[in-house]
Amino acid sequence: MPASAVKSMTDVVDDKLMSDIVHDLRSGRAAPSGLIPDQKPIPDEKSAKVRGSGWVEPNPMGSVPGAKYVDQIADHFAALDREQTIADAMDRIRKLKG
């Protein structure tokens, strides 16, 4: 490590503070603590969870919910297109007859 990096670190953490940190950690890391003590629920037969394999039954094959509405919309626009095609053909016939 470059001397400049060591100097930067020692400027922030002096020897006394580093000595105190080392002294605190000699016996190992402190256990996490908080205001609320750890409370583990006592498992009973009803609430005991059974670990599974992760398998989930697949959804049955079939049409997608709401597909009938999409089909109705498509049928409606197909009818509009058909009407427009017939109207265009009639206009061309009228123009040809003069």
C-alpha atoms as a PDB file:
ATOM      1  CA  MET A   1       0.000   0.000   0.000  1.00  0.00           C
ATOM      2  CA  PRO A   2       1.422   3.414  -0.864  1.00  0.00           C
ATOM      3  CA  ALA A   3       2.623   5.585   1.979  1.00  0.00           C
ATOM      4  CA  SER A   4       0.205   8.349   0.969  1.00  0.00           C
ATOM      5  CA  ALA A   5      -2.752   5.979   1.472  1.00  0.00           C
ATOM      6  CA  VAL A   6      -1.472   4.922   4.902  1.00  0.00           C
ATOM      7  CA  LYS A   7      -0.968   8.586   5.830  1.00  0.00           C
ATOM      8  CA  SER A   8      -4.551   9.418   4.781  1.00  0.00           C
ATOM      9  CA  MET A   9      -5.919   6.569   6.926  1.00  0.00           C
ATOM     10  CA  THR A  10      -3.826   7.454   9.979  1.00  0.00           C
ATOM     11  CA  ASP A  11      -4.940  11.072   9.714  1.00  0.00           C
ATOM     12  CA  VAL A  12      -8.536   9.930  10.150  1.00  0.00           C
ATOM     13  CA  VAL A  13      -7.985   7.133  12.714  1.00  0.00           C
ATOM     14  CA  ASP A  14      -5.220   7.916  15.179  1.00  0.00           C
ATOM     15  CA  ASP A  15      -3.177   5.295  17.080  1.00  0.00           C
ATOM     16  CA  LYS A  16      -5.252   5.499  20.278  1.00  0.00           C
ATOM     17  CA  LEU A  17      -8.555   4.947  18.452  1.00  0.00           C
ATOM     18  CA  MET A  18      -7.060   2.052  16.484  1.00  0.00           C
ATOM     19  CA  SER A  19      -5.739   0.529  19.720  1.00  0.00           C
ATOM     20  CA  ASP A  20      -9.209   0.785  21.284  1.00  0.00           C
ATOM     21  CA  ILE A  21     -10.799  -0.881  18.241  1.00  0.00           C
ATOM     22  CA  VAL A  22      -8.287  -3.746  18.338  1.00  0.00           C
ATOM     23  CA  HIS A  23      -8.832  -4.165  22.093  1.00  0.00           C
ATOM     24  CA  ASP A  24     -12.631  -4.325  21.631  1.00  0.00           C
ATOM     25  CA  LEU A  25     -12.364  -6.977  18.929  1.00  0.00           C
ATOM     26  CA  ARG A  26      -9.805  -9.257  20.670  1.00  0.00           C
ATOM     27  CA  SER A  27     -12.558 -11.456  22.077  1.00  0.00           C
ATOM     28  CA  GLY A  28     -14.376 -11.656  18.740  1.00  0.00           C
ATOM     29  CA  ARG A  29     -17.115  -9.765  17.071  1.00  0.00           C
ATOM     30  CA  ALA A  30     -19.902  -8.488  19.261  1.00  0.00           C
ATOM     31  CA  ALA A  31     -23.347 -10.029  18.757  1.00  0.00           C
ATOM     32  CA  PRO A  32     -25.877  -7.742  17.098  1.00  0.00           C
ATOM     33  CA  SER A  33     -28.214  -6.123  19.552  1.00  0.00           C
ATOM     34  CA  GLY A  34     -31.307  -4.035  19.439  1.00  0.00           C
ATOM     35  CA  LEU A  35     -34.113  -2.713  21.578  1.00  0.00           C
ATOM     36  CA  ILE A  36     -36.389  -5.669  20.843  1.00  0.00           C
ATOM     37  CA  PRO A  37     -35.090  -9.046  22.030  1.00  0.00           C
ATOM     38  CA  ASP A  38     -35.114 -11.951  19.602  1.00  0.00           C
ATOM     39  CA  GLN A  39     -38.414 -13.769  19.887  1.00  0.00           C
ATOM     40  CA  LYS A  40     -38.729 -16.953  17.920  1.00  0.00           C
ATOM     41  CA  PRO A  41     -42.222 -18.415  17.782  1.00  0.00           C
ATOM     42  CA  ILE A  42     -42.608 -21.869  19.176  1.00  0.00           C
ATOM     43  CA  PRO A  43     -43.659 -24.090  16.299  1.00  0.00           C
ATOM     44  CA  ASP A  44     -46.741 -26.167  16.833  1.00  0.00           C
ATOM     45  CA  GLU A  45     -48.218 -28.874  14.658  1.00  0.00           C
ATOM     46  CA  LYS A  46     -50.675 -26.540  12.910  1.00  0.00           C
ATOM     47  CA  SER A  47     -48.173 -23.854  11.946  1.00  0.00           C
ATOM     48  CA  ALA A  48     -45.255 -26.128  11.076  1.00  0.00           C
ATOM     49  CA  LYS A  49     -44.306 -25.643   7.439  1.00  0.00           C
ATOM     50  CA  VAL A  50     -43.411 -28.622   5.362  1.00  0.00           C
ATOM     51  CA  ARG A  51     -40.547 -28.082   2.972  1.00  0.00           C
ATOM     52  CA  GLY A  52     -41.322 -29.235  -0.501  1.00  0.00           C
ATOM     53  CA  SER A  53     -39.399 -29.802  -3.678  1.00  0.00           C
ATOM     54  CA  GLY A  54     -40.518 -26.544  -5.260  1.00  0.00           C
ATOM     55  CA  TRP A  55     -42.767 -28.314  -7.759  1.00  0.00           C
ATOM     56  CA  VAL A  56     -45.883 -26.404  -8.747  1.00  0.00           C
ATOM     57  CA  GLU A  57     -48.718 -27.910 -10.760  1.00  0.00           C
ATOM     58  CA  PRO A  58     -48.786 -26.287 -14.216  1.00  0.00           C
ATOM     59  CA  ASN A  59     -51.823 -24.319 -15.332  1.00  0.00           C
ATOM     60  CA  PRO A  60     -54.165 -26.358 -17.497  1.00  0.00           C
ATOM     61  CA  MET A  61     -54.016 -25.768 -21.243  1.00  0.00           C
ATOM     62  CA  GLY A  62     -56.831 -23.643 -22.562  1.00  0.00           C
ATOM     63  CA  SER A  63     -57.734 -20.259 -23.868  1.00  0.00           C
ATOM     64  CA  VAL A  64     -56.452 -17.165 -22.171  1.00  0.00           C
ATOM     65  CA  PRO A  65     -58.997 -15.362 -19.978  1.00  0.00           C
ATOM     66  CA  GLY A  66     -60.494 -12.488 -21.930  1.00  0.00           C
ATOM     67  CA  ALA A  67     -59.608 -13.952 -25.343  1.00  0.00           C
ATOM     68  CA  LYS A  68     -63.286 -13.906 -26.347  1.00  0.00           C
ATOM     69  CA  TYR A  69     -63.278 -10.107 -26.088  1.00  0.00           C
ATOM     70  CA  VAL A  70     -60.226  -9.842 -28.332  1.00  0.00           C
ATOM     71  CA  ASP A  71     -61.963 -12.156 -30.808  1.00  0.00           C
ATOM     72  CA  GLN A  72     -65.079  -9.955 -30.761  1.00  0.00           C
ATOM     73  CA  ILE A  73     -63.001  -6.828 -31.428  1.00  0.00           C
ATOM     74  CA  ALA A  74     -61.171  -8.569 -34.291  1.00  0.00           C
ATOM     75  CA  ASP A  75     -64.496  -9.747 -35.791  1.00  0.00           C
ATOM     76  CA  HIS A  76     -65.870  -6.208 -35.572  1.00  0.00           C
ATOM     77  CA  PHE A  77     -62.890  -4.706 -37.401  1.00  0.00           C
ATOM     78  CA  ALA A  78     -62.979  -7.507 -39.979  1.00  0.00           C
ATOM     79  CA  ALA A  79     -66.627  -6.636 -40.671  1.00  0.00           C
ATOM     80  CA  LEU A  80     -65.720  -2.953 -41.033  1.00  0.00           C
ATOM     81  CA  ASP A  81     -62.921  -3.856 -43.460  1.00  0.00           C
ATOM     82  CA  ARG A  82     -65.308  -6.052 -45.453  1.00  0.00           C
ATOM     83  CA  GLU A  83     -67.868  -3.209 -45.673  1.00  0.00           C
ATOM     84  CA  GLN A  84     -65.155  -0.780 -46.789  1.00  0.00           C
ATOM     85  CA  THR A  85     -63.896  -3.215 -49.431  1.00  0.00           C
ATOM     86  CA  ILE A  86     -67.440  -3.642 -50.797  1.00  0.00           C
ATOM     87  CA  ALA A  87     -68.004   0.141 -50.789  1.00  0.00           C
ATOM     88  CA  ASP A  88     -64.713   0.703 -52.667  1.00  0.00           C
ATOM     89  CA  ALA A  89     -65.630  -1.944 -55.243  1.00  0.00           C
ATOM     90  CA  MET A  90     -69.046  -0.356 -55.782  1.00  0.00           C
ATOM     91  CA  ASP A  91     -67.423   3.081 -56.265  1.00  0.00           C
ATOM     92  CA  ARG A  92     -65.069   1.636 -58.914  1.00  0.00           C
ATOM     93  CA  ILE A  93     -67.986  -0.010 -60.709  1.00  0.00           C
ATOM     94  CA  ARG A  94     -69.959   3.281 -60.712  1.00  0.00           C
ATOM     95  CA  LYS A  95     -66.954   5.135 -62.124  1.00  0.00           C
ATOM     96  CA  LEU A  96     -66.539   2.535 -64.887  1.00  0.00           C
ATOM     97  CA  LYS A  97     -70.222   2.723 -65.860  1.00  0.00           C
ATOM     98  CA  GLY A  98     -69.902   6.475 -65.975  1.00  0.00           C
END
